PDB file of N, CA and C in Angstrom:
ATOM      1  N   MET A   1     -13.659  -6.746  23.376  1.00  0.00           N
ATOM      2  CA  MET A   1     -12.711  -7.743  23.808  1.00  0.00           C
ATOM      3  C   MET A   1     -13.432  -8.828  24.606  1.00  0.00           C
ATOM      4  N   THR A   2     -14.372  -8.414  25.438  1.00  0.00           N
ATOM      5  CA  THR A   2     -15.129  -9.383  26.226  1.00  0.00           C
ATOM      6  C   THR A   2     -15.928 -10.302  25.318  1.00  0.00           C
ATOM      7  N   ASP A   3     -16.534  -9.730  24.278  1.00  0.00           N
ATOM      8  CA  ASP A   3     -17.303 -10.551  23.336  1.00  0.00           C
ATOM      9  C   ASP A   3     -16.410 -11.577  22.648  1.00  0.00           C
ATOM     10  N   ALA A   4     -15.231 -11.145  22.231  1.00  0.00           N
ATOM     11  CA  ALA A   4     -14.293 -12.067  21.577  1.00  0.00           C
ATOM     12  C   ALA A   4     -13.919 -13.200  22.527  1.00  0.00           C
ATOM     13  N   TYR A   5     -13.670 -12.879  23.775  1.00  0.00           N
ATOM     14  CA  TYR A   5     -13.324 -13.890  24.776  1.00  0.00           C
ATOM     15  C   TYR A   5     -14.484 -14.870  24.966  1.00  0.00           C
ATOM     16  N   MET A   6     -15.689 -14.338  25.093  1.00  0.00           N
ATOM     17  CA  MET A   6     -16.869 -15.184  25.305  1.00  0.00           C
ATOM     18  C   MET A   6     -17.139 -16.086  24.097  1.00  0.00           C
ATOM     19  N   GLN A   7     -16.745 -15.643  22.907  1.00  0.00           N
ATOM     20  CA  GLN A   7     -16.930 -16.434  21.689  1.00  0.00           C
ATOM     21  C   GLN A   7     -15.784 -17.411  21.460  1.00  0.00           C
ATOM     22  N   GLY A   8     -14.792 -17.396  22.354  1.00  0.00           N
ATOM     23  CA  GLY A   8     -13.664 -18.310  22.224  1.00  0.00           C
ATOM     24  C   GLY A   8     -12.652 -17.894  21.173  1.00  0.00           C
ATOM     25  N   LYS A   9     -12.682 -16.625  20.786  1.00  0.00           N
ATOM     26  CA  LYS A   9     -11.741 -16.141  19.781  1.00  0.00           C
ATOM     27  C   LYS A   9     -10.377 -15.866  20.393  1.00  0.00           C
ATOM     28  N   ASP A  10      -9.368 -15.905  19.564  1.00  0.00           N
ATOM     29  CA  ASP A  10      -8.004 -15.591  19.969  1.00  0.00           C
ATOM     30  C   ASP A  10      -7.918 -14.085  20.202  1.00  0.00           C
ATOM     31  N   LEU A  11      -7.551 -13.693  21.413  1.00  0.00           N
ATOM     32  CA  LEU A  11      -7.541 -12.273  21.752  1.00  0.00           C
ATOM     33  C   LEU A  11      -6.445 -11.507  21.024  1.00  0.00           C
ATOM     34  N   TYR A  12      -5.291 -12.142  20.809  1.00  0.00           N
ATOM     35  CA  TYR A  12      -4.211 -11.469  20.083  1.00  0.00           C
ATOM     36  C   TYR A  12      -4.630 -11.187  18.642  1.00  0.00           C
ATOM     37  N   ALA A  13      -5.266 -12.152  18.005  1.00  0.00           N
ATOM     38  CA  ALA A  13      -5.730 -11.966  16.620  1.00  0.00           C
ATOM     39  C   ALA A  13      -6.842 -10.924  16.561  1.00  0.00           C
ATOM     40  N   THR A  14      -7.668 -10.886  17.585  1.00  0.00           N
ATOM     41  CA  THR A  14      -8.742  -9.884  17.646  1.00  0.00           C
ATOM     42  C   THR A  14      -8.153  -8.482  17.734  1.00  0.00           C
ATOM     43  N   ILE A  15      -7.152  -8.313  18.594  1.00  0.00           N
ATOM     44  CA  ILE A  15      -6.486  -7.016  18.711  1.00  0.00           C
ATOM     45  C   ILE A  15      -5.828  -6.656  17.384  1.00  0.00           C
ATOM     46  N   ALA A  16      -5.137  -7.619  16.772  1.00  0.00           N
ATOM     47  CA  ALA A  16      -4.442  -7.375  15.505  1.00  0.00           C
ATOM     48  C   ALA A  16      -5.413  -6.948  14.406  1.00  0.00           C
ATOM     49  N   SER A  17      -6.610  -7.526  14.383  1.00  0.00           N
ATOM     50  CA  SER A  17      -7.564  -7.138  13.345  1.00  0.00           C
ATOM     51  C   SER A  17      -7.974  -5.677  13.488  1.00  0.00           C
ATOM     52  N   GLY A  18      -7.991  -5.170  14.705  1.00  0.00           N
ATOM     53  CA  GLY A  18      -8.275  -3.745  14.912  1.00  0.00           C
ATOM     54  C   GLY A  18      -7.093  -2.866  14.578  1.00  0.00           C
ATOM     55  N   VAL A  19      -5.888  -3.298  14.957  1.00  0.00           N
ATOM     56  CA  VAL A  19      -4.685  -2.510  14.699  1.00  0.00           C
ATOM     57  C   VAL A  19      -4.389  -2.444  13.210  1.00  0.00           C
ATOM     58  N   TYR A  20      -4.474  -3.591  12.543  1.00  0.00           N
ATOM     59  CA  TYR A  20      -4.102  -3.665  11.126  1.00  0.00           C
ATOM     60  C   TYR A  20      -5.287  -3.476  10.185  1.00  0.00           C
ATOM     61  N   LYS A  21      -6.471  -3.302  10.754  1.00  0.00           N
ATOM     62  CA  LYS A  21      -7.690  -3.066   9.960  1.00  0.00           C
ATOM     63  C   LYS A  21      -7.882  -4.157   8.906  1.00  0.00           C
ATOM     64  N   ASN A  22      -7.856  -5.405   9.357  1.00  0.00           N
ATOM     65  CA  ASN A  22      -8.060  -6.522   8.442  1.00  0.00           C
ATOM     66  C   ASN A  22      -8.937  -7.578   9.107  1.00  0.00           C
ATOM     67  N   ASN A  23      -9.089  -8.696   8.427  1.00  0.00           N
ATOM     68  CA  ASN A  23      -9.918  -9.796   8.885  1.00  0.00           C
ATOM     69  C   ASN A  23      -9.252 -10.534  10.038  1.00  0.00           C
ATOM     70  N   TYR A  24     -10.056 -11.029  10.961  1.00  0.00           N
ATOM     71  CA  TYR A  24      -9.572 -11.803  12.107  1.00  0.00           C
ATOM     72  C   TYR A  24      -8.631 -12.921  11.661  1.00  0.00           C
ATOM     73  N   TRP A  25      -9.024 -13.693  10.659  1.00  0.00           N
ATOM     74  CA  TRP A  25      -8.232 -14.847  10.223  1.00  0.00           C
ATOM     75  C   TRP A  25      -6.925 -14.437   9.565  1.00  0.00           C
ATOM     76  N   ASP A  26      -6.801 -13.208   9.100  1.00  0.00           N
ATOM     77  CA  ASP A  26      -5.540 -12.729   8.525  1.00  0.00           C
ATOM     78  C   ASP A  26      -4.456 -12.593   9.589  1.00  0.00           C
ATOM     79  N   ASN A  27      -4.832 -12.687  10.849  1.00  0.00           N
ATOM     80  CA  ASN A  27      -3.897 -12.501  11.953  1.00  0.00           C
ATOM     81  C   ASN A  27      -3.644 -13.776  12.763  1.00  0.00           C
ATOM     82  N   MET A  28      -4.107 -14.881  12.253  1.00  0.00           N
ATOM     83  CA  MET A  28      -3.894 -16.164  12.920  1.00  0.00           C
ATOM     84  C   MET A  28      -2.651 -16.848  12.353  1.00  0.00           C
ATOM     85  N   GLU A  29      -2.053 -17.749  13.136  1.00  0.00           N
ATOM     86  CA  GLU A  29      -0.882 -18.493  12.681  1.00  0.00           C
ATOM     87  C   GLU A  29      -1.227 -19.425  11.533  1.00  0.00           C
ATOM     88  N   HIS A  30      -2.476 -19.882  11.503  1.00  0.00           N
ATOM     89  CA  HIS A  30      -2.975 -20.725  10.418  1.00  0.00           C
ATOM     90  C   HIS A  30      -4.311 -20.157   9.957  1.00  0.00           C
ATOM     91  N   LEU A  31      -4.555 -20.240   8.653  1.00  0.00           N
ATOM     92  CA  LEU A  31      -5.833 -19.797   8.116  1.00  0.00           C
ATOM     93  C   LEU A  31      -6.918 -20.795   8.493  1.00  0.00           C
ATOM     94  N   GLU A  32      -8.153 -20.452   8.202  1.00  0.00           N
ATOM     95  CA  GLU A  32      -9.279 -21.330   8.554  1.00  0.00           C
ATOM     96  C   GLU A  32      -9.130 -22.727   7.984  1.00  0.00           C
ATOM     97  N   ASP A  33      -8.535 -22.837   6.799  1.00  0.00           N
ATOM     98  CA  ASP A  33      -8.378 -24.153   6.168  1.00  0.00           C
ATOM     99  C   ASP A  33      -7.152 -24.913   6.675  1.00  0.00           C
ATOM    100  N   GLY A  34      -6.402 -24.321   7.604  1.00  0.00           N
ATOM    101  CA  GLY A  34      -5.264 -24.997   8.205  1.00  0.00           C
ATOM    102  C   GLY A  34      -3.914 -24.691   7.578  1.00  0.00           C
ATOM    103  N   THR A  35      -3.901 -23.916   6.485  1.00  0.00           N
ATOM    104  CA  THR A  35      -2.626 -23.589   5.855  1.00  0.00           C
ATOM    105  C   THR A  35      -1.866 -22.571   6.703  1.00  0.00           C
ATOM    106  N   PRO A  36      -0.538 -22.702   6.751  1.00  0.00           N
ATOM    107  CA  PRO A  36       0.267 -21.761   7.541  1.00  0.00           C
ATOM    108  C   PRO A  36       0.118 -20.329   7.035  1.00  0.00           C
ATOM    109  N   ASN A  37       0.182 -19.403   7.965  1.00  0.00           N
ATOM    110  CA  ASN A  37       0.038 -17.984   7.653  1.00  0.00           C
ATOM    111  C   ASN A  37       1.148 -17.220   8.389  1.00  0.00           C
ATOM    112  N   PRO A  38       2.378 -17.213   7.821  1.00  0.00           N
ATOM    113  CA  PRO A  38       3.496 -16.578   8.530  1.00  0.00           C
ATOM    114  C   PRO A  38       3.298 -15.092   8.809  1.00  0.00           C
ATOM    115  N   GLU A  39       2.669 -14.358   7.902  1.00  0.00           N
ATOM    116  CA  GLU A  39       2.417 -12.933   8.148  1.00  0.00           C
ATOM    117  C   GLU A  39       1.417 -12.744   9.274  1.00  0.00           C
ATOM    118  N   GLY A  40       0.405 -13.601   9.318  1.00  0.00           N
ATOM    119  CA  GLY A  40      -0.571 -13.542  10.401  1.00  0.00           C
ATOM    120  C   GLY A  40       0.070 -13.846  11.743  1.00  0.00           C
ATOM    121  N   LYS A  41       0.980 -14.819  11.735  1.00  0.00           N
ATOM    122  CA  LYS A  41       1.694 -15.161  12.967  1.00  0.00           C
ATOM    123  C   LYS A  41       2.491 -13.969  13.467  1.00  0.00           C
ATOM    124  N   LYS A  42       3.122 -13.241  12.542  1.00  0.00           N
ATOM    125  CA  LYS A  42       3.915 -12.064  12.923  1.00  0.00           C
ATOM    126  C   LYS A  42       3.020 -10.964  13.501  1.00  0.00           C
ATOM    127  N   ARG A  43       1.897 -10.698  12.812  1.00  0.00           N
ATOM    128  CA  ARG A  43       0.976  -9.659  13.303  1.00  0.00           C
ATOM    129  C   ARG A  43       0.404 -10.033  14.670  1.00  0.00           C
ATOM    130  N   ARG A  44       0.029 -11.310  14.837  1.00  0.00           N
ATOM    131  CA  ARG A  44      -0.521 -11.792  16.100  1.00  0.00           C
ATOM    132  C   ARG A  44       0.508 -11.623  17.213  1.00  0.00           C
ATOM    133  N   SER A  45       1.742 -12.010  16.933  1.00  0.00           N
ATOM    134  CA  SER A  45       2.810 -11.891  17.938  1.00  0.00           C
ATOM    135  C   SER A  45       3.061 -10.443  18.317  1.00  0.00           C
ATOM    136  N   ASN A  46       3.022  -9.550  17.323  1.00  0.00           N
ATOM    137  CA  ASN A  46       3.211  -8.126  17.606  1.00  0.00           C
ATOM    138  C   ASN A  46       2.163  -7.605  18.581  1.00  0.00           C
ATOM    139  N   CYS A  47       0.964  -8.137  18.512  1.00  0.00           N
ATOM    140  CA  CYS A  47      -0.129  -7.621  19.341  1.00  0.00           C
ATOM    141  C   CYS A  47      -0.182  -8.242  20.726  1.00  0.00           C
ATOM    142  N   LYS A  48       0.626  -9.237  20.982  1.00  0.00           N
ATOM    143  CA  LYS A  48       0.673  -9.807  22.329  1.00  0.00           C
ATOM    144  C   LYS A  48       1.061  -8.739  23.345  1.00  0.00           C
ATOM    145  N   SER A  49       1.958  -7.856  22.943  1.00  0.00           N
ATOM    146  CA  SER A  49       2.417  -6.821  23.867  1.00  0.00           C
ATOM    147  C   SER A  49       1.302  -5.852  24.256  1.00  0.00           C
ATOM    148  N   LEU A  50       0.327  -5.681  23.384  1.00  0.00           N
ATOM    149  CA  LEU A  50      -0.793  -4.796  23.738  1.00  0.00           C
ATOM    150  C   LEU A  50      -1.644  -5.394  24.850  1.00  0.00           C
ATOM    151  N   LEU A  51      -1.778  -6.710  24.840  1.00  0.00           N
ATOM    152  CA  LEU A  51      -2.586  -7.356  25.863  1.00  0.00           C
ATOM    153  C   LEU A  51      -1.779  -7.645  27.126  1.00  0.00           C
ATOM    154  N   LEU A  52      -0.561  -8.080  26.946  1.00  0.00           N
ATOM    155  CA  LEU A  52       0.254  -8.493  28.089  1.00  0.00           C
ATOM    156  C   LEU A  52       1.144  -7.388  28.636  1.00  0.00           C
ATOM    157  N   GLY A  53       1.385  -6.369  27.818  1.00  0.00           N
ATOM    158  CA  GLY A  53       2.315  -5.314  28.191  1.00  0.00           C
ATOM    159  C   GLY A  53       3.715  -5.692  27.732  1.00  0.00           C
ATOM    160  N   LYS A  54       4.481  -4.715  27.377  1.00  0.00           N
ATOM    161  CA  LYS A  54       5.826  -4.965  26.874  1.00  0.00           C
ATOM    162  C   LYS A  54       6.788  -4.099  27.659  1.00  0.00           C
ATOM    163  N   ARG A  55       7.842  -4.702  28.127  1.00  0.00           N
ATOM    164  CA  ARG A  55       8.852  -3.943  28.870  1.00  0.00           C
ATOM    165  C   ARG A  55       9.773  -3.274  27.859  1.00  0.00           C
ATOM    166  N   ASN A  56       9.528  -2.025  27.617  1.00  0.00           N
ATOM    167  CA  ASN A  56      10.291  -1.269  26.637  1.00  0.00           C
ATOM    168  C   ASN A  56      10.172   0.202  27.013  1.00  0.00           C
ATOM    169  N   VAL A  57      11.015   1.020  26.460  1.00  0.00           N
ATOM    170  CA  VAL A  57      10.939   2.447  26.771  1.00  0.00           C
ATOM    171  C   VAL A  57       9.778   3.117  26.052  1.00  0.00           C
ATOM    172  N   MET A  58       9.312   2.529  24.953  1.00  0.00           N
ATOM    173  CA  MET A  58       8.179   3.090  24.228  1.00  0.00           C
ATOM    174  C   MET A  58       6.926   2.287  24.551  1.00  0.00           C
ATOM    175  N   PRO A  59       5.763   2.937  24.550  1.00  0.00           N
ATOM    176  CA  PRO A  59       4.520   2.178  24.725  1.00  0.00           C
ATOM    177  C   PRO A  59       4.393   1.137  23.615  1.00  0.00           C
ATOM    178  N   PRO A  60       3.784  -0.025  23.897  1.00  0.00           N
ATOM    179  CA  PRO A  60       3.718  -1.113  22.918  1.00  0.00           C
ATOM    180  C   PRO A  60       3.099  -0.737  21.589  1.00  0.00           C
ATOM    181  N   TYR A  61       2.044   0.118  21.597  1.00  0.00           N
ATOM    182  CA  TYR A  61       1.409   0.448  20.329  1.00  0.00           C
ATOM    183  C   TYR A  61       2.349   1.231  19.423  1.00  0.00           C
ATOM    184  N   ILE A  62       3.236   2.032  19.977  1.00  0.00           N
ATOM    185  CA  ILE A  62       4.206   2.764  19.157  1.00  0.00           C
ATOM    186  C   ILE A  62       5.222   1.801  18.571  1.00  0.00           C
ATOM    187  N   VAL A  63       5.642   0.817  19.347  1.00  0.00           N
ATOM    188  CA  VAL A  63       6.579  -0.182  18.844  1.00  0.00           C
ATOM    189  C   VAL A  63       5.968  -0.914  17.662  1.00  0.00           C
ATOM    190  N   ILE A  64       4.712  -1.324  17.766  1.00  0.00           N
ATOM    191  CA  ILE A  64       4.042  -2.044  16.680  1.00  0.00           C
ATOM    192  C   ILE A  64       3.931  -1.159  15.446  1.00  0.00           C
ATOM    193  N   TYR A  65       3.469   0.063  15.616  1.00  0.00           N
ATOM    194  CA  TYR A  65       3.345   0.961  14.471  1.00  0.00           C
ATOM    195  C   TYR A  65       4.706   1.223  13.837  1.00  0.00           C
ATOM    196  N   LYS A  66       5.712   1.453  14.656  1.00  0.00           N
ATOM    197  CA  LYS A  66       7.045   1.735  14.145  1.00  0.00           C
ATOM    198  C   LYS A  66       7.606   0.535  13.392  1.00  0.00           C
ATOM    199  N   ASP A  67       7.439  -0.662  13.939  1.00  0.00           N
ATOM    200  CA  ASP A  67       7.950  -1.878  13.308  1.00  0.00           C
ATOM    201  C   ASP A  67       7.272  -2.170  11.982  1.00  0.00           C
ATOM    202  N   ASN A  68       6.084  -1.627  11.770  1.00  0.00           N
ATOM    203  CA  ASN A  68       5.337  -1.907  10.554  1.00  0.00           C
ATOM    204  C   ASN A  68       5.189  -0.680   9.659  1.00  0.00           C
ATOM    205  N   ASP A  69       6.058   0.302   9.854  1.00  0.00           N
ATOM    206  CA  ASP A  69       6.079   1.522   9.028  1.00  0.00           C
ATOM    207  C   ASP A  69       4.720   2.216   8.963  1.00  0.00           C
ATOM    208  N   VAL A  70       4.021   2.270  10.075  1.00  0.00           N
ATOM    209  CA  VAL A  70       2.739   2.969  10.140  1.00  0.00           C
ATOM    210  C   VAL A  70       3.032   4.389  10.608  1.00  0.00           C
ATOM    211  N   ASN A  71       2.492   5.359   9.907  1.00  0.00           N
ATOM    212  CA  ASN A  71       2.668   6.759  10.260  1.00  0.00           C
ATOM    213  C   ASN A  71       1.769   7.090  11.448  1.00  0.00           C
ATOM    214  N   LEU A  72       2.376   7.383  12.572  1.00  0.00           N
ATOM    215  CA  LEU A  72       1.598   7.671  13.776  1.00  0.00           C
ATOM    216  C   LEU A  72       0.731   8.921  13.629  1.00  0.00           C
ATOM    217  N   ASP A  73       1.089   9.800  12.718  1.00  0.00           N
ATOM    218  CA  ASP A  73       0.270  10.996  12.509  1.00  0.00           C
ATOM    219  C   ASP A  73      -1.078  10.635  11.889  1.00  0.00           C
ATOM    220  N   ASP A  74      -1.151   9.467  11.223  1.00  0.00           N
ATOM    221  CA  ASP A  74      -2.388   9.036  10.570  1.00  0.00           C
ATOM    222  C   ASP A  74      -3.261   8.198  11.471  1.00  0.00           C
ATOM    223  N   LYS A  75      -2.808   7.891  12.673  1.00  0.00           N
ATOM    224  CA  LYS A  75      -3.547   6.998  13.570  1.00  0.00           C
ATOM    225  C   LYS A  75      -3.910   7.732  14.842  1.00  0.00           C
ATOM    226  N   ARG A  76      -5.054   7.424  15.347  1.00  0.00           N
ATOM    227  CA  ARG A  76      -5.429   7.918  16.673  1.00  0.00           C
ATOM    228  C   ARG A  76      -5.038   6.845  17.667  1.00  0.00           C
ATOM    229  N   VAL A  77      -4.167   7.198  18.552  1.00  0.00           N
ATOM    230  CA  VAL A  77      -3.630   6.221  19.499  1.00  0.00           C
ATOM    231  C   VAL A  77      -4.173   6.498  20.872  1.00  0.00           C
TER     232      VAL A  77
END
């Protein structure tokens, strides 16, 4: 996370790339060429709670996994 910050990368997109196991740019609101990326915007927004904390009865990572139909038994949390 520190490296991403020092490189000027978006921290939410960096977190999302680890959670969703995809490319950094797949989690940005716009792709590298500037085209809109609505799915990336959604994934990025979902990961804001991991960095900022989310006021909810469930821990934020469970909310993200649940919202995206990820089987928690298959993930190490």
